[in-house]
Amino acid sequence: WGVIAPMLSLPAIFYWAVHRPDLVPASMAFLLGLFQDAIL
């Protein structure tokens, strides 16, 4: 599971980018991605 665990951030970023792109701006997506890299 550690090797195939899904990146659940992708569906969430996709959803918010479609429905409310103003609430997850590019800078926040970048910071969330850095956090994801650090934690994973």
PDB file of all heavy atoms in Angstrom:
ATOM      1  N   TRP A   1       0.822  -1.210   0.000  1.00  0.00           N
ATOM      2  CA  TRP A   1       0.000   0.000   0.000  1.00  0.00           C
ATOM      3  C   TRP A   1       0.862   1.269   0.000  1.00  0.00           C
ATOM      4  O   TRP A   1       0.514   2.253  -0.638  1.00  0.00           O
ATOM      5  CB  TRP A   1      -0.950   0.028   1.192  1.00  0.00           C
ATOM      6  CG  TRP A   1      -1.841   1.226   1.143  1.00  0.00           C
ATOM      7  CD1 TRP A   1      -1.755   2.342   1.915  1.00  0.00           C
ATOM      8  CD2 TRP A   1      -2.934   1.448   0.253  1.00  0.00           C
ATOM      9  NE1 TRP A   1      -2.728   3.243   1.572  1.00  0.00           N
ATOM     10  CE2 TRP A   1      -3.469   2.714   0.549  1.00  0.00           C
ATOM     11  CE3 TRP A   1      -3.512   0.702  -0.765  1.00  0.00           C
ATOM     12  CZ2 TRP A   1      -4.553   3.239  -0.133  1.00  0.00           C
ATOM     13  CZ3 TRP A   1      -4.595   1.235  -1.443  1.00  0.00           C
ATOM     14  CH2 TRP A   1      -5.104   2.487  -1.132  1.00  0.00           C
ATOM     15  N   GLY A   2       1.985   1.238   0.677  1.00  0.00           N
ATOM     16  CA  GLY A   2       2.847   2.414   0.705  1.00  0.00           C
ATOM     17  C   GLY A   2       3.327   2.826  -0.671  1.00  0.00           C
ATOM     18  O   GLY A   2       3.562   4.001  -0.936  1.00  0.00           O
ATOM     19  N   VAL A   3       3.440   1.863  -1.574  1.00  0.00           N
ATOM     20  CA  VAL A   3       3.918   2.144  -2.924  1.00  0.00           C
ATOM     21  C   VAL A   3       2.778   2.630  -3.822  1.00  0.00           C
ATOM     22  O   VAL A   3       2.988   3.471  -4.697  1.00  0.00           O
ATOM     23  CB  VAL A   3       4.557   0.868  -3.532  1.00  0.00           C
ATOM     24  CG1 VAL A   3       5.046   1.117  -4.935  1.00  0.00           C
ATOM     25  CG2 VAL A   3       5.692   0.396  -2.651  1.00  0.00           C
ATOM     26  N   ILE A   4       1.567   2.127  -3.606  1.00  0.00           N
ATOM     27  CA  ILE A   4       0.459   2.458  -4.507  1.00  0.00           C
ATOM     28  C   ILE A   4      -0.578   3.386  -3.882  1.00  0.00           C
ATOM     29  O   ILE A   4      -1.636   3.630  -4.464  1.00  0.00           O
ATOM     30  CB  ILE A   4      -0.245   1.190  -5.023  1.00  0.00           C
ATOM     31  CG1 ILE A   4      -0.898   0.419  -3.880  1.00  0.00           C
ATOM     32  CG2 ILE A   4       0.698   0.326  -5.824  1.00  0.00           C
ATOM     33  CD1 ILE A   4      -1.821  -0.692  -4.323  1.00  0.00           C
ATOM     34  N   ALA A   5      -0.288   3.929  -2.712  1.00  0.00           N
ATOM     35  CA  ALA A   5      -1.249   4.833  -2.059  1.00  0.00           C
ATOM     36  C   ALA A   5      -1.539   6.009  -2.985  1.00  0.00           C
ATOM     37  O   ALA A   5      -0.627   6.641  -3.514  1.00  0.00           O
ATOM     38  CB  ALA A   5      -0.686   5.326  -0.734  1.00  0.00           C
ATOM     39  N   PRO A   6      -2.816   6.323  -3.190  1.00  0.00           N
ATOM     40  CA  PRO A   6      -3.168   7.391  -4.131  1.00  0.00           C
ATOM     41  C   PRO A   6      -2.852   8.771  -3.575  1.00  0.00           C
ATOM     42  O   PRO A   6      -2.847   8.990  -2.366  1.00  0.00           O
ATOM     43  CB  PRO A   6      -4.677   7.207  -4.312  1.00  0.00           C
ATOM     44  CG  PRO A   6      -5.134   6.593  -3.034  1.00  0.00           C
ATOM     45  CD  PRO A   6      -4.007   5.699  -2.584  1.00  0.00           C
ATOM     46  N   MET A   7      -2.594   9.691  -4.474  1.00  0.00           N
ATOM     47  CA  MET A   7      -2.414  11.091  -4.099  1.00  0.00           C
ATOM     48  C   MET A   7      -3.804  11.724  -4.083  1.00  0.00           C
ATOM     49  O   MET A   7      -4.286  12.211  -5.099  1.00  0.00           O
ATOM     50  CB  MET A   7      -1.505  11.802  -5.104  1.00  0.00           C
ATOM     51  CG  MET A   7      -0.085  11.370  -5.031  1.00  0.00           C
ATOM     52  SD  MET A   7       1.059  12.102  -6.244  1.00  0.00           S
ATOM     53  CE  MET A   7       0.331  13.595  -6.756  1.00  0.00           C
ATOM     54  N   LEU A   8      -4.454  11.678  -2.944  1.00  0.00           N
ATOM     55  CA  LEU A   8      -5.828  12.167  -2.841  1.00  0.00           C
ATOM     56  C   LEU A   8      -5.930  13.677  -3.025  1.00  0.00           C
ATOM     57  O   LEU A   8      -7.031  14.204  -3.195  1.00  0.00           O
ATOM     58  CB  LEU A   8      -6.426  11.754  -1.493  1.00  0.00           C
ATOM     59  CG  LEU A   8      -6.547  10.250  -1.258  1.00  0.00           C
ATOM     60  CD1 LEU A   8      -7.095   9.973   0.131  1.00  0.00           C
ATOM     61  CD2 LEU A   8      -7.412   9.605  -2.329  1.00  0.00           C
ATOM     62  N   SER A   9      -4.803  14.347  -3.023  1.00  0.00           N
ATOM     63  CA  SER A   9      -4.822  15.791  -3.259  1.00  0.00           C
ATOM     64  C   SER A   9      -5.198  16.114  -4.701  1.00  0.00           C
ATOM     65  O   SER A   9      -5.791  17.163  -4.964  1.00  0.00           O
ATOM     66  CB  SER A   9      -3.462  16.393  -2.931  1.00  0.00           C
ATOM     67  OG  SER A   9      -2.452  15.764  -3.705  1.00  0.00           O
ATOM     68  N   LEU A  10      -4.890  15.234  -5.640  1.00  0.00           N
ATOM     69  CA  LEU A  10      -5.202  15.509  -7.045  1.00  0.00           C
ATOM     70  C   LEU A  10      -6.698  15.631  -7.309  1.00  0.00           C
ATOM     71  O   LEU A  10      -7.123  16.599  -7.946  1.00  0.00           O
ATOM     72  CB  LEU A  10      -4.574  14.444  -7.954  1.00  0.00           C
ATOM     73  CG  LEU A  10      -3.091  14.580  -8.214  1.00  0.00           C
ATOM     74  CD1 LEU A  10      -2.581  13.432  -9.068  1.00  0.00           C
ATOM     75  CD2 LEU A  10      -2.766  15.899  -8.874  1.00  0.00           C
ATOM     76  N   PRO A  11      -7.537  14.681  -6.853  1.00  0.00           N
ATOM     77  CA  PRO A  11      -8.978  14.872  -7.083  1.00  0.00           C
ATOM     78  C   PRO A  11      -9.511  16.127  -6.391  1.00  0.00           C
ATOM     79  O   PRO A  11     -10.393  16.803  -6.938  1.00  0.00           O
ATOM     80  CB  PRO A  11      -9.620  13.616  -6.498  1.00  0.00           C
ATOM     81  CG  PRO A  11      -8.539  12.633  -6.325  1.00  0.00           C
ATOM     82  CD  PRO A  11      -7.259  13.382  -6.260  1.00  0.00           C
ATOM     83  N   ALA A  12      -8.978  16.444  -5.231  1.00  0.00           N
ATOM     84  CA  ALA A  12      -9.445  17.634  -4.512  1.00  0.00           C
ATOM     85  C   ALA A  12      -9.046  18.908  -5.251  1.00  0.00           C
ATOM     86  O   ALA A  12      -9.868  19.818  -5.400  1.00  0.00           O
ATOM     87  CB  ALA A  12      -8.894  17.645  -3.094  1.00  0.00           C
ATOM     88  N   ILE A  13      -7.822  18.983  -5.706  1.00  0.00           N
ATOM     89  CA  ILE A  13      -7.386  20.157  -6.475  1.00  0.00           C
ATOM     90  C   ILE A  13      -8.207  20.269  -7.754  1.00  0.00           C
ATOM     91  O   ILE A  13      -8.628  21.363  -8.140  1.00  0.00           O
ATOM     92  CB  ILE A  13      -5.874  20.083  -6.782  1.00  0.00           C
ATOM     93  CG1 ILE A  13      -5.056  20.277  -5.507  1.00  0.00           C
ATOM     94  CG2 ILE A  13      -5.472  21.083  -7.855  1.00  0.00           C
ATOM     95  CD1 ILE A  13      -5.077  21.686  -4.940  1.00  0.00           C
ATOM     96  N   PHE A  14      -8.455  19.146  -8.403  1.00  0.00           N
ATOM     97  CA  PHE A  14      -9.280  19.162  -9.612  1.00  0.00           C
ATOM     98  C   PHE A  14     -10.673  19.703  -9.293  1.00  0.00           C
ATOM     99  O   PHE A  14     -11.181  20.591  -9.989  1.00  0.00           O
ATOM    100  CB  PHE A  14      -9.386  17.749 -10.208  1.00  0.00           C
ATOM    101  CG  PHE A  14     -10.232  17.683 -11.452  1.00  0.00           C
ATOM    102  CD1 PHE A  14      -9.677  17.927 -12.688  1.00  0.00           C
ATOM    103  CD2 PHE A  14     -11.582  17.375 -11.388  1.00  0.00           C
ATOM    104  CE1 PHE A  14     -10.444  17.875 -13.843  1.00  0.00           C
ATOM    105  CE2 PHE A  14     -12.356  17.321 -12.522  1.00  0.00           C
ATOM    106  CZ  PHE A  14     -11.790  17.569 -13.750  1.00  0.00           C
ATOM    107  N   TYR A  15     -11.289  19.194  -8.237  1.00  0.00           N
ATOM    108  CA  TYR A  15     -12.647  19.621  -7.879  1.00  0.00           C
ATOM    109  C   TYR A  15     -12.691  21.127  -7.601  1.00  0.00           C
ATOM    110  O   TYR A  15     -13.535  21.841  -8.143  1.00  0.00           O
ATOM    111  CB  TYR A  15     -13.152  18.849  -6.655  1.00  0.00           C
ATOM    112  CG  TYR A  15     -14.539  19.292  -6.260  1.00  0.00           C
ATOM    113  CD1 TYR A  15     -15.647  18.714  -6.846  1.00  0.00           C
ATOM    114  CD2 TYR A  15     -14.735  20.313  -5.335  1.00  0.00           C
ATOM    115  CE1 TYR A  15     -16.928  19.133  -6.519  1.00  0.00           C
ATOM    116  CE2 TYR A  15     -16.010  20.736  -4.999  1.00  0.00           C
ATOM    117  CZ  TYR A  15     -17.097  20.141  -5.596  1.00  0.00           C
ATOM    118  OH  TYR A  15     -18.360  20.585  -5.274  1.00  0.00           O
ATOM    119  N   TRP A  16     -11.798  21.597  -6.757  1.00  0.00           N
ATOM    120  CA  TRP A  16     -11.831  23.015  -6.390  1.00  0.00           C
ATOM    121  C   TRP A  16     -11.426  23.902  -7.553  1.00  0.00           C
ATOM    122  O   TRP A  16     -11.915  25.034  -7.669  1.00  0.00           O
ATOM    123  CB  TRP A  16     -10.976  23.277  -5.162  1.00  0.00           C
ATOM    124  CG  TRP A  16     -11.539  22.640  -3.932  1.00  0.00           C
ATOM    125  CD1 TRP A  16     -10.957  21.659  -3.186  1.00  0.00           C
ATOM    126  CD2 TRP A  16     -12.814  22.901  -3.322  1.00  0.00           C
ATOM    127  NE1 TRP A  16     -11.787  21.302  -2.148  1.00  0.00           N
ATOM    128  CE2 TRP A  16     -12.940  22.053  -2.206  1.00  0.00           C
ATOM    129  CE3 TRP A  16     -13.863  23.770  -3.607  1.00  0.00           C
ATOM    130  CZ2 TRP A  16     -14.055  22.044  -1.382  1.00  0.00           C
ATOM    131  CZ3 TRP A  16     -14.985  23.771  -2.790  1.00  0.00           C
ATOM    132  CH2 TRP A  16     -15.071  22.911  -1.691  1.00  0.00           C
ATOM    133  N   ALA A  17     -10.548  23.440  -8.426  1.00  0.00           N
ATOM    134  CA  ALA A  17     -10.167  24.236  -9.597  1.00  0.00           C
ATOM    135  C   ALA A  17     -11.336  24.387 -10.564  1.00  0.00           C
ATOM    136  O   ALA A  17     -11.447  25.392 -11.262  1.00  0.00           O
ATOM    137  CB  ALA A  17      -8.974  23.606 -10.308  1.00  0.00           C
ATOM    138  N   VAL A  18     -12.228  23.416 -10.588  1.00  0.00           N
ATOM    139  CA  VAL A  18     -13.412  23.511 -11.441  1.00  0.00           C
ATOM    140  C   VAL A  18     -14.472  24.381 -10.784  1.00  0.00           C
ATOM    141  O   VAL A  18     -15.041  25.279 -11.409  1.00  0.00           O
ATOM    142  CB  VAL A  18     -13.988  22.111 -11.756  1.00  0.00           C
ATOM    143  CG1 VAL A  18     -15.367  22.219 -12.404  1.00  0.00           C
ATOM    144  CG2 VAL A  18     -13.047  21.331 -12.650  1.00  0.00           C
ATOM    145  N   HIS A  19     -14.753  24.121  -9.508  1.00  0.00           N
ATOM    146  CA  HIS A  19     -15.904  24.748  -8.855  1.00  0.00           C
ATOM    147  C   HIS A  19     -15.600  26.064  -8.156  1.00  0.00           C
ATOM    148  O   HIS A  19     -16.454  26.955  -8.132  1.00  0.00           O
ATOM    149  CB  HIS A  19     -16.539  23.759  -7.875  1.00  0.00           C
ATOM    150  CG  HIS A  19     -17.094  22.567  -8.570  1.00  0.00           C
ATOM    151  ND1 HIS A  19     -18.296  22.581  -9.217  1.00  0.00           N
ATOM    152  CD2 HIS A  19     -16.593  21.322  -8.752  1.00  0.00           C
ATOM    153  CE1 HIS A  19     -18.531  21.400  -9.767  1.00  0.00           C
ATOM    154  NE2 HIS A  19     -17.492  20.618  -9.498  1.00  0.00           N
ATOM    155  N   ARG A  20     -14.466  26.205  -7.548  1.00  0.00           N
ATOM    156  CA  ARG A  20     -14.106  27.444  -6.835  1.00  0.00           C
ATOM    157  C   ARG A  20     -12.608  27.709  -6.965  1.00  0.00           C
ATOM    158  O   ARG A  20     -11.858  27.647  -5.996  1.00  0.00           O
ATOM    159  CB  ARG A  20     -14.491  27.359  -5.356  1.00  0.00           C
ATOM    160  CG  ARG A  20     -15.956  27.348  -5.043  1.00  0.00           C
ATOM    161  CD  ARG A  20     -16.709  28.577  -5.543  1.00  0.00           C
ATOM    162  NE  ARG A  20     -16.240  29.827  -4.990  1.00  0.00           N
ATOM    163  CZ  ARG A  20     -16.749  30.426  -3.918  1.00  0.00           C
ATOM    164  NH1 ARG A  20     -17.768  29.878  -3.287  1.00  0.00           N
ATOM    165  NH2 ARG A  20     -16.264  31.569  -3.503  1.00  0.00           N
ATOM    166  N   PRO A  21     -12.130  28.001  -8.175  1.00  0.00           N
ATOM    167  CA  PRO A  21     -10.688  28.223  -8.351  1.00  0.00           C
ATOM    168  C   PRO A  21     -10.154  29.408  -7.556  1.00  0.00           C
ATOM    169  O   PRO A  21      -8.962  29.472  -7.267  1.00  0.00           O
ATOM    170  CB  PRO A  21     -10.538  28.451  -9.859  1.00  0.00           C
ATOM    171  CG  PRO A  21     -11.885  28.818 -10.341  1.00  0.00           C
ATOM    172  CD  PRO A  21     -12.874  28.174  -9.419  1.00  0.00           C
ATOM    173  N   ASP A  22     -11.028  30.318  -7.178  1.00  0.00           N
ATOM    174  CA  ASP A  22     -10.592  31.475  -6.407  1.00  0.00           C
ATOM    175  C   ASP A  22     -10.192  31.112  -4.980  1.00  0.00           C
ATOM    176  O   ASP A  22      -9.445  31.845  -4.339  1.00  0.00           O
ATOM    177  CB  ASP A  22     -11.697  32.533  -6.375  1.00  0.00           C
ATOM    178  CG  ASP A  22     -13.010  32.000  -5.805  1.00  0.00           C
ATOM    179  OD1 ASP A  22     -13.394  30.859  -6.145  1.00  0.00           O
ATOM    180  OD2 ASP A  22     -13.660  32.730  -5.036  1.00  0.00           O
ATOM    181  N   LEU A  23     -10.668  29.970  -4.491  1.00  0.00           N
ATOM    182  CA  LEU A  23     -10.399  29.603  -3.098  1.00  0.00           C
ATOM    183  C   LEU A  23      -9.167  28.717  -2.923  1.00  0.00           C
ATOM    184  O   LEU A  23      -8.709  28.504  -1.801  1.00  0.00           O
ATOM    185  CB  LEU A  23     -11.622  28.921  -2.490  1.00  0.00           C
ATOM    186  CG  LEU A  23     -12.872  29.806  -2.405  1.00  0.00           C
ATOM    187  CD1 LEU A  23     -14.011  29.060  -1.752  1.00  0.00           C
ATOM    188  CD2 LEU A  23     -12.577  31.097  -1.670  1.00  0.00           C
ATOM    189  N   VAL A  24      -8.651  28.169  -4.004  1.00  0.00           N
ATOM    190  CA  VAL A  24      -7.375  27.440  -3.954  1.00  0.00           C
ATOM    191  C   VAL A  24      -6.496  28.031  -5.058  1.00  0.00           C
ATOM    192  O   VAL A  24      -6.377  27.463  -6.142  1.00  0.00           O
ATOM    193  CB  VAL A  24      -7.566  25.917  -4.143  1.00  0.00           C
ATOM    194  CG1 VAL A  24      -6.225  25.198  -4.003  1.00  0.00           C
ATOM    195  CG2 VAL A  24      -8.553  25.354  -3.153  1.00  0.00           C
ATOM    196  N   PRO A  25      -5.898  29.187  -4.780  1.00  0.00           N
ATOM    197  CA  PRO A  25      -5.056  29.819  -5.805  1.00  0.00           C
ATOM    198  C   PRO A  25      -3.776  29.024  -6.044  1.00  0.00           C
ATOM    199  O   PRO A  25      -3.439  28.105  -5.293  1.00  0.00           O
ATOM    200  CB  PRO A  25      -4.756  31.200  -5.203  1.00  0.00           C
ATOM    201  CG  PRO A  25      -4.899  31.016  -3.737  1.00  0.00           C
ATOM    202  CD  PRO A  25      -5.947  29.951  -3.544  1.00  0.00           C
ATOM    203  N   ALA A  26      -3.069  29.393  -7.071  1.00  0.00           N
ATOM    204  CA  ALA A  26      -1.847  28.686  -7.446  1.00  0.00           C
ATOM    205  C   ALA A  26      -0.834  28.659  -6.305  1.00  0.00           C
ATOM    206  O   ALA A  26      -0.186  27.637  -6.064  1.00  0.00           O
ATOM    207  CB  ALA A  26      -1.231  29.330  -8.691  1.00  0.00           C
ATOM    208  N   SER A  27      -0.704  29.756  -5.596  1.00  0.00           N
ATOM    209  CA  SER A  27       0.271  29.796  -4.499  1.00  0.00           C
ATOM    210  C   SER A  27      -0.084  28.775  -3.419  1.00  0.00           C
ATOM    211  O   SER A  27       0.803  28.116  -2.865  1.00  0.00           O
ATOM    212  CB  SER A  27       0.333  31.198  -3.893  1.00  0.00           C
ATOM    213  OG  SER A  27      -0.953  31.593  -3.442  1.00  0.00           O
ATOM    214  N   MET A  28      -1.375  28.617  -3.137  1.00  0.00           N
ATOM    215  CA  MET A  28      -1.783  27.654  -2.111  1.00  0.00           C
ATOM    216  C   MET A  28      -1.602  26.225  -2.622  1.00  0.00           C
ATOM    217  O   MET A  28      -1.191  25.345  -1.860  1.00  0.00           O
ATOM    218  CB  MET A  28      -3.240  27.904  -1.704  1.00  0.00           C
ATOM    219  CG  MET A  28      -3.655  27.092  -0.509  1.00  0.00           C
ATOM    220  SD  MET A  28      -2.576  27.228   0.944  1.00  0.00           S
ATOM    221  CE  MET A  28      -2.834  28.892   1.437  1.00  0.00           C
ATOM    222  N   ALA A  29      -1.887  25.986  -3.896  1.00  0.00           N
ATOM    223  CA  ALA A  29      -1.660  24.655  -4.465  1.00  0.00           C
ATOM    224  C   ALA A  29      -0.180  24.294  -4.370  1.00  0.00           C
ATOM    225  O   ALA A  29       0.175  23.156  -4.040  1.00  0.00           O
ATOM    226  CB  ALA A  29      -2.136  24.610  -5.916  1.00  0.00           C
ATOM    227  N   PHE A  30       0.679  25.263  -4.623  1.00  0.00           N
ATOM    228  CA  PHE A  30       2.113  25.028  -4.526  1.00  0.00           C
ATOM    229  C   PHE A  30       2.524  24.699  -3.093  1.00  0.00           C
ATOM    230  O   PHE A  30       3.263  23.738  -2.854  1.00  0.00           O
ATOM    231  CB  PHE A  30       2.881  26.247  -5.041  1.00  0.00           C
ATOM    232  CG  PHE A  30       4.367  26.070  -5.043  1.00  0.00           C
ATOM    233  CD1 PHE A  30       4.979  25.324  -6.042  1.00  0.00           C
ATOM    234  CD2 PHE A  30       5.152  26.623  -4.052  1.00  0.00           C
ATOM    235  CE1 PHE A  30       6.354  25.145  -6.055  1.00  0.00           C
ATOM    236  CE2 PHE A  30       6.524  26.451  -4.052  1.00  0.00           C
ATOM    237  CZ  PHE A  30       7.125  25.713  -5.052  1.00  0.00           C
ATOM    238  N   LEU A  31       2.045  25.482  -2.132  1.00  0.00           N
ATOM    239  CA  LEU A  31       2.381  25.230  -0.723  1.00  0.00           C
ATOM    240  C   LEU A  31       1.845  23.883  -0.248  1.00  0.00           C
ATOM    241  O   LEU A  31       2.536  23.154   0.478  1.00  0.00           O
ATOM    242  CB  LEU A  31       1.850  26.353   0.159  1.00  0.00           C
ATOM    243  CG  LEU A  31       2.545  27.702   0.012  1.00  0.00           C
ATOM    244  CD1 LEU A  31       1.827  28.770   0.821  1.00  0.00           C
ATOM    245  CD2 LEU A  31       4.008  27.598   0.386  1.00  0.00           C
ATOM    246  N   LEU A  32       0.626  23.547  -0.658  1.00  0.00           N
ATOM    247  CA  LEU A  32       0.071  22.242  -0.298  1.00  0.00           C
ATOM    248  C   LEU A  32       0.896  21.124  -0.915  1.00  0.00           C
ATOM    249  O   LEU A  32       1.114  20.078  -0.294  1.00  0.00           O
ATOM    250  CB  LEU A  32      -1.393  22.149  -0.736  1.00  0.00           C
ATOM    251  CG  LEU A  32      -2.375  22.977   0.088  1.00  0.00           C
ATOM    252  CD1 LEU A  32      -3.710  23.104  -0.638  1.00  0.00           C
ATOM    253  CD2 LEU A  32      -2.563  22.368   1.466  1.00  0.00           C
ATOM    254  N   GLY A  33       1.365  21.335  -2.131  1.00  0.00           N
ATOM    255  CA  GLY A  33       2.225  20.348  -2.779  1.00  0.00           C
ATOM    256  C   GLY A  33       3.555  20.169  -2.067  1.00  0.00           C
ATOM    257  O   GLY A  33       4.054  19.051  -1.931  1.00  0.00           O
ATOM    258  N   LEU A  34       4.137  21.265  -1.595  1.00  0.00           N
ATOM    259  CA  LEU A  34       5.379  21.164  -0.820  1.00  0.00           C
ATOM    260  C   LEU A  34       5.150  20.397   0.474  1.00  0.00           C
ATOM    261  O   LEU A  34       5.979  19.567   0.871  1.00  0.00           O
ATOM    262  CB  LEU A  34       5.937  22.559  -0.511  1.00  0.00           C
ATOM    263  CG  LEU A  34       6.624  23.293  -1.644  1.00  0.00           C
ATOM    264  CD1 LEU A  34       7.066  24.681  -1.189  1.00  0.00           C
ATOM    265  CD2 LEU A  34       7.807  22.503  -2.172  1.00  0.00           C
ATOM    266  N   PHE A  35       4.033  20.693   1.124  1.00  0.00           N
ATOM    267  CA  PHE A  35       3.694  19.955   2.347  1.00  0.00           C
ATOM    268  C   PHE A  35       3.521  18.470   2.038  1.00  0.00           C
ATOM    269  O   PHE A  35       4.009  17.611   2.776  1.00  0.00           O
ATOM    270  CB  PHE A  35       2.418  20.531   2.977  1.00  0.00           C
ATOM    271  CG  PHE A  35       1.966  19.766   4.182  1.00  0.00           C
ATOM    272  CD1 PHE A  35       2.650  19.874   5.385  1.00  0.00           C
ATOM    273  CD2 PHE A  35       0.864  18.924   4.119  1.00  0.00           C
ATOM    274  CE1 PHE A  35       2.250  19.165   6.501  1.00  0.00           C
ATOM    275  CE2 PHE A  35       0.454  18.211   5.227  1.00  0.00           C
ATOM    276  CZ  PHE A  35       1.145  18.325   6.423  1.00  0.00           C
ATOM    277  N   GLN A  36       2.851  18.169   0.931  1.00  0.00           N
ATOM    278  CA  GLN A  36       2.653  16.776   0.527  1.00  0.00           C
ATOM    279  C   GLN A  36       3.992  16.096   0.277  1.00  0.00           C
ATOM    280  O   GLN A  36       4.208  14.953   0.701  1.00  0.00           O
ATOM    281  CB  GLN A  36       1.787  16.731  -0.729  1.00  0.00           C
ATOM    282  CG  GLN A  36       1.586  15.342  -1.300  1.00  0.00           C
ATOM    283  CD  GLN A  36       0.679  15.386  -2.495  1.00  0.00           C
ATOM    284  OE1 GLN A  36      -0.527  15.447  -2.335  1.00  0.00           O
ATOM    285  NE2 GLN A  36       1.248  15.360  -3.683  1.00  0.00           N
ATOM    286  N   ASP A  37       4.887  16.781  -0.411  1.00  0.00           N
ATOM    287  CA  ASP A  37       6.220  16.213  -0.654  1.00  0.00           C
ATOM    288  C   ASP A  37       6.943  15.926   0.650  1.00  0.00           C
ATOM    289  O   ASP A  37       7.557  14.868   0.819  1.00  0.00           O
ATOM    290  CB  ASP A  37       7.068  17.171  -1.502  1.00  0.00           C
ATOM    291  CG  ASP A  37       6.589  17.264  -2.933  1.00  0.00           C
ATOM    292  OD1 ASP A  37       5.915  16.333  -3.407  1.00  0.00           O
ATOM    293  OD2 ASP A  37       6.897  18.289  -3.572  1.00  0.00           O
ATOM    294  N   ALA A  38       6.873  16.864   1.577  1.00  0.00           N
ATOM    295  CA  ALA A  38       7.564  16.694   2.851  1.00  0.00           C
ATOM    296  C   ALA A  38       6.984  15.543   3.655  1.00  0.00           C
ATOM    297  O   ALA A  38       7.731  14.762   4.258  1.00  0.00           O
ATOM    298  CB  ALA A  38       7.491  17.988   3.660  1.00  0.00           C
ATOM    299  N   ILE A  39       5.690  15.408   3.655  1.00  0.00           N
ATOM    300  CA  ILE A  39       5.057  14.383   4.491  1.00  0.00           C
ATOM    301  C   ILE A  39       5.118  12.997   3.848  1.00  0.00           C
ATOM    302  O   ILE A  39       5.185  11.995   4.550  1.00  0.00           O
ATOM    303  CB  ILE A  39       3.617  14.789   4.855  1.00  0.00           C
ATOM    304  CG1 ILE A  39       3.146  14.031   6.084  1.00  0.00           C
ATOM    305  CG2 ILE A  39       2.667  14.585   3.706  1.00  0.00           C
ATOM    306  CD1 ILE A  39       1.884  14.580   6.686  1.00  0.00           C
ATOM    307  N   LEU A  40       5.103  12.937   2.513  1.00  0.00           N
ATOM    308  CA  LEU A  40       5.138  11.634   1.832  1.00  0.00           C
ATOM    309  C   LEU A  40       6.548  11.184   1.484  1.00  0.00           C
ATOM    310  O   LEU A  40       6.752  10.036   1.092  1.00  0.00           O
ATOM    311  CB  LEU A  40       4.283  11.673   0.559  1.00  0.00           C
ATOM    312  CG  LEU A  40       2.790  11.866   0.752  1.00  0.00           C
ATOM    313  CD1 LEU A  40       2.074  11.917  -0.598  1.00  0.00           C
ATOM    314  CD2 LEU A  40       2.211  10.765   1.620  1.00  0.00           C
TER     315      LEU A  40
END
